[in-house]
Amino acid sequence: MKELVEVLARALVDHPDRVEVNQIEGEKSIILELRVDGDDMGKVIGKQGKIAKAIRAVVKAAATKEGKRVVVEIIK
């Protein structure tokens, strides 16, 4: 999951070297904290949050195969 979020985020931003994903695992859930450069926040979130919702939808679909719940948080 972590790699998937990194690939998606790096494709969207101007500073791909500043993309960081921190994974926190629980028993049934995984929290992925996505950090990007301040200038790239708008590109990752998108208008009205559409890109952020799309990233979360793709990750949720991939997580369903593993039977886990994944939460993607975008952090400044």
N, C-alpha and C. Protein backbone atom coordinates (compact mmCIF):
# COMPACT_ATOMS: atom_id res chain seq x y z
N MET A 1 0.82 -1.20 0.00
CA MET A 1 0.00 0.00 0.00
C MET A 1 0.87 1.27 0.00
N LYS A 2 1.89 1.24 0.82
CA LYS A 2 2.77 2.40 0.93
C LYS A 2 3.37 2.76 -0.42
N GLU A 3 3.84 1.76 -1.15
CA GLU A 3 4.46 2.00 -2.46
C GLU A 3 3.44 2.57 -3.45
N LEU A 4 2.22 2.08 -3.38
CA LEU A 4 1.17 2.55 -4.27
C LEU A 4 0.91 4.04 -4.07
N VAL A 5 0.81 4.47 -2.83
CA VAL A 5 0.57 5.89 -2.52
C VAL A 5 1.76 6.73 -2.97
N GLU A 6 2.99 6.22 -2.75
CA GLU A 6 4.19 6.95 -3.18
C GLU A 6 4.20 7.16 -4.69
N VAL A 7 3.91 6.12 -5.44
CA VAL A 7 3.92 6.21 -6.90
C VAL A 7 2.86 7.21 -7.38
N LEU A 8 1.66 7.12 -6.83
CA LEU A 8 0.60 8.04 -7.23
C LEU A 8 0.96 9.49 -6.91
N ALA A 9 1.47 9.72 -5.71
CA ALA A 9 1.80 11.08 -5.28
C ALA A 9 2.96 11.65 -6.09
N ARG A 10 3.99 10.84 -6.33
CA ARG A 10 5.15 11.33 -7.08
C ARG A 10 4.79 11.69 -8.51
N ALA A 11 3.80 11.04 -9.07
CA ALA A 11 3.37 11.35 -10.43
C ALA A 11 2.64 12.69 -10.50
N LEU A 12 2.12 13.16 -9.38
CA LEU A 12 1.32 14.38 -9.37
C LEU A 12 2.10 15.65 -9.04
N VAL A 13 3.17 15.53 -8.28
CA VAL A 13 3.82 16.71 -7.69
C VAL A 13 5.01 17.22 -8.52
N ASP A 14 5.44 18.45 -8.21
CA ASP A 14 6.61 19.04 -8.85
C ASP A 14 7.91 18.64 -8.16
N HIS A 15 7.81 18.26 -6.88
CA HIS A 15 8.98 17.87 -6.09
C HIS A 15 8.83 16.42 -5.62
N PRO A 16 9.02 15.45 -6.52
CA PRO A 16 8.81 14.04 -6.14
C PRO A 16 9.79 13.54 -5.09
N ASP A 17 10.95 14.20 -4.96
CA ASP A 17 11.93 13.78 -3.97
C ASP A 17 11.48 14.12 -2.55
N ARG A 18 10.49 14.98 -2.41
CA ARG A 18 10.00 15.38 -1.08
C ARG A 18 8.75 14.64 -0.65
N VAL A 19 8.35 13.63 -1.40
CA VAL A 19 7.18 12.83 -1.04
C VAL A 19 7.60 11.78 -0.02
N GLU A 20 6.89 11.73 1.09
CA GLU A 20 7.15 10.73 2.13
C GLU A 20 5.84 10.07 2.52
N VAL A 21 5.89 8.75 2.72
CA VAL A 21 4.72 8.03 3.18
C VAL A 21 5.13 7.24 4.41
N ASN A 22 4.43 7.47 5.50
CA ASN A 22 4.67 6.75 6.75
C ASN A 22 3.51 5.79 6.97
N GLN A 23 3.83 4.53 7.21
CA GLN A 23 2.79 3.51 7.39
C GLN A 23 2.71 3.10 8.85
N ILE A 24 1.50 3.18 9.40
CA ILE A 24 1.24 2.76 10.78
C ILE A 24 0.24 1.62 10.71
N GLU A 25 0.67 0.44 11.16
CA GLU A 25 -0.19 -0.75 11.04
C GLU A 25 -0.84 -1.11 12.36
N GLY A 26 -2.12 -1.45 12.26
CA GLY A 26 -2.85 -1.99 13.39
C GLY A 26 -3.26 -3.41 13.05
N GLU A 27 -4.13 -4.00 13.84
CA GLU A 27 -4.57 -5.37 13.58
C GLU A 27 -5.39 -5.47 12.30
N LYS A 28 -6.37 -4.60 12.17
CA LYS A 28 -7.26 -4.67 11.01
C LYS A 28 -7.19 -3.44 10.12
N SER A 29 -6.36 -2.48 10.48
CA SER A 29 -6.32 -1.25 9.69
C SER A 29 -4.88 -0.77 9.51
N ILE A 30 -4.69 0.03 8.48
CA ILE A 30 -3.41 0.65 8.18
C ILE A 30 -3.65 2.14 7.96
N ILE A 31 -2.82 2.96 8.59
CA ILE A 31 -2.89 4.40 8.37
C ILE A 31 -1.67 4.79 7.56
N LEU A 32 -1.90 5.46 6.45
CA LEU A 32 -0.81 5.95 5.60
C LEU A 32 -0.79 7.46 5.67
N GLU A 33 0.30 8.01 6.19
CA GLU A 33 0.45 9.46 6.29
C GLU A 33 1.27 9.93 5.10
N LEU A 34 0.67 10.72 4.24
CA LEU A 34 1.33 11.22 3.04
C LEU A 34 1.80 12.65 3.31
N ARG A 35 3.10 12.88 3.17
CA ARG A 35 3.67 14.21 3.34
C ARG A 35 4.26 14.65 2.00
N VAL A 36 3.92 15.87 1.59
CA VAL A 36 4.46 16.45 0.36
C VAL A 36 4.95 17.85 0.66
N ASP A 37 5.69 18.43 -0.26
CA ASP A 37 6.15 19.81 -0.14
C ASP A 37 4.94 20.73 -0.06
N GLY A 38 5.07 21.80 0.68
CA GLY A 38 3.96 22.74 0.84
C GLY A 38 3.41 23.28 -0.47
N ASP A 39 4.28 23.46 -1.45
CA ASP A 39 3.84 23.97 -2.74
C ASP A 39 3.02 22.94 -3.51
N ASP A 40 3.16 21.67 -3.18
CA ASP A 40 2.48 20.60 -3.90
C ASP A 40 1.18 20.13 -3.25
N MET A 41 0.83 20.72 -2.12
CA MET A 41 -0.38 20.28 -1.41
C MET A 41 -1.62 20.37 -2.30
N GLY A 42 -1.76 21.47 -3.01
CA GLY A 42 -2.92 21.66 -3.87
C GLY A 42 -3.01 20.63 -4.98
N LYS A 43 -1.88 20.19 -5.47
CA LYS A 43 -1.87 19.20 -6.54
C LYS A 43 -2.29 17.83 -6.05
N VAL A 44 -1.96 17.52 -4.81
CA VAL A 44 -2.32 16.22 -4.24
C VAL A 44 -3.78 16.21 -3.80
N ILE A 45 -4.26 17.35 -3.32
CA ILE A 45 -5.65 17.43 -2.86
C ILE A 45 -6.61 17.64 -4.03
N GLY A 46 -6.25 18.52 -4.96
CA GLY A 46 -7.09 18.78 -6.12
C GLY A 46 -8.25 19.69 -5.81
N LYS A 47 -8.95 20.09 -6.86
CA LYS A 47 -10.11 20.96 -6.67
C LYS A 47 -11.21 20.20 -5.95
N GLN A 48 -11.69 20.80 -4.88
CA GLN A 48 -12.74 20.21 -4.03
C GLN A 48 -12.35 18.83 -3.52
N GLY A 49 -11.04 18.55 -3.44
CA GLY A 49 -10.58 17.28 -2.89
C GLY A 49 -10.74 16.08 -3.81
N LYS A 50 -10.95 16.32 -5.08
CA LYS A 50 -11.22 15.22 -6.02
C LYS A 50 -10.03 14.28 -6.19
N ILE A 51 -8.81 14.82 -6.24
CA ILE A 51 -7.64 13.96 -6.41
C ILE A 51 -7.40 13.16 -5.14
N ALA A 52 -7.56 13.79 -3.98
CA ALA A 52 -7.39 13.07 -2.72
C ALA A 52 -8.41 11.93 -2.62
N LYS A 53 -9.64 12.19 -3.02
CA LYS A 53 -10.68 11.15 -3.00
C LYS A 53 -10.33 10.01 -3.94
N ALA A 54 -9.77 10.34 -5.11
CA ALA A 54 -9.39 9.32 -6.08
C ALA A 54 -8.25 8.46 -5.54
N ILE A 55 -7.26 9.09 -4.91
CA ILE A 55 -6.16 8.33 -4.31
C ILE A 55 -6.71 7.38 -3.25
N ARG A 56 -7.58 7.89 -2.40
CA ARG A 56 -8.17 7.05 -1.34
C ARG A 56 -8.98 5.90 -1.93
N ALA A 57 -9.69 6.14 -3.03
CA ALA A 57 -10.50 5.09 -3.66
C ALA A 57 -9.62 3.98 -4.22
N VAL A 58 -8.53 4.35 -4.87
CA VAL A 58 -7.62 3.35 -5.44
C VAL A 58 -6.98 2.52 -4.33
N VAL A 59 -6.55 3.18 -3.27
CA VAL A 59 -5.91 2.47 -2.16
C VAL A 59 -6.93 1.57 -1.45
N LYS A 60 -8.15 2.05 -1.30
CA LYS A 60 -9.20 1.25 -0.66
C LYS A 60 -9.48 -0.01 -1.47
N ALA A 61 -9.52 0.12 -2.79
CA ALA A 61 -9.76 -1.04 -3.65
C ALA A 61 -8.62 -2.05 -3.52
N ALA A 62 -7.39 -1.57 -3.47
CA ALA A 62 -6.25 -2.47 -3.32
C ALA A 62 -6.24 -3.13 -1.94
N ALA A 63 -6.68 -2.40 -0.93
CA ALA A 63 -6.69 -2.94 0.43
C ALA A 63 -7.77 -3.99 0.63
N THR A 64 -8.83 -3.90 -0.13
CA THR A 64 -9.93 -4.86 -0.01
C THR A 64 -9.44 -6.27 -0.30
N LYS A 65 -8.51 -6.41 -1.22
CA LYS A 65 -7.95 -7.72 -1.53
C LYS A 65 -7.26 -8.34 -0.33
N GLU A 66 -6.64 -7.50 0.50
CA GLU A 66 -5.92 -7.97 1.67
C GLU A 66 -6.81 -8.08 2.91
N GLY A 67 -8.04 -7.63 2.79
CA GLY A 67 -8.95 -7.70 3.93
C GLY A 67 -8.63 -6.71 5.03
N LYS A 68 -8.00 -5.60 4.67
CA LYS A 68 -7.64 -4.58 5.66
C LYS A 68 -8.36 -3.28 5.32
N ARG A 69 -8.44 -2.41 6.30
CA ARG A 69 -9.01 -1.07 6.12
C ARG A 69 -7.84 -0.10 6.08
N VAL A 70 -7.81 0.74 5.06
CA VAL A 70 -6.70 1.69 4.89
C VAL A 70 -7.24 3.11 4.95
N VAL A 71 -6.54 3.95 5.72
CA VAL A 71 -6.88 5.37 5.82
C VAL A 71 -5.67 6.15 5.29
N VAL A 72 -5.91 7.03 4.34
CA VAL A 72 -4.85 7.88 3.79
C VAL A 72 -5.06 9.28 4.33
N GLU A 73 -4.03 9.77 5.05
CA GLU A 73 -4.07 11.12 5.60
C GLU A 73 -3.02 11.95 4.89
N ILE A 74 -3.40 13.13 4.44
CA ILE A 74 -2.46 14.03 3.78
C ILE A 74 -2.04 15.07 4.79
N ILE A 75 -0.74 15.10 5.07
CA ILE A 75 -0.20 15.94 6.15
C ILE A 75 0.75 16.97 5.57
N LYS A 76 0.68 18.18 6.07
CA LYS A 76 1.58 19.24 5.61
C LYS A 76 2.91 19.12 6.30
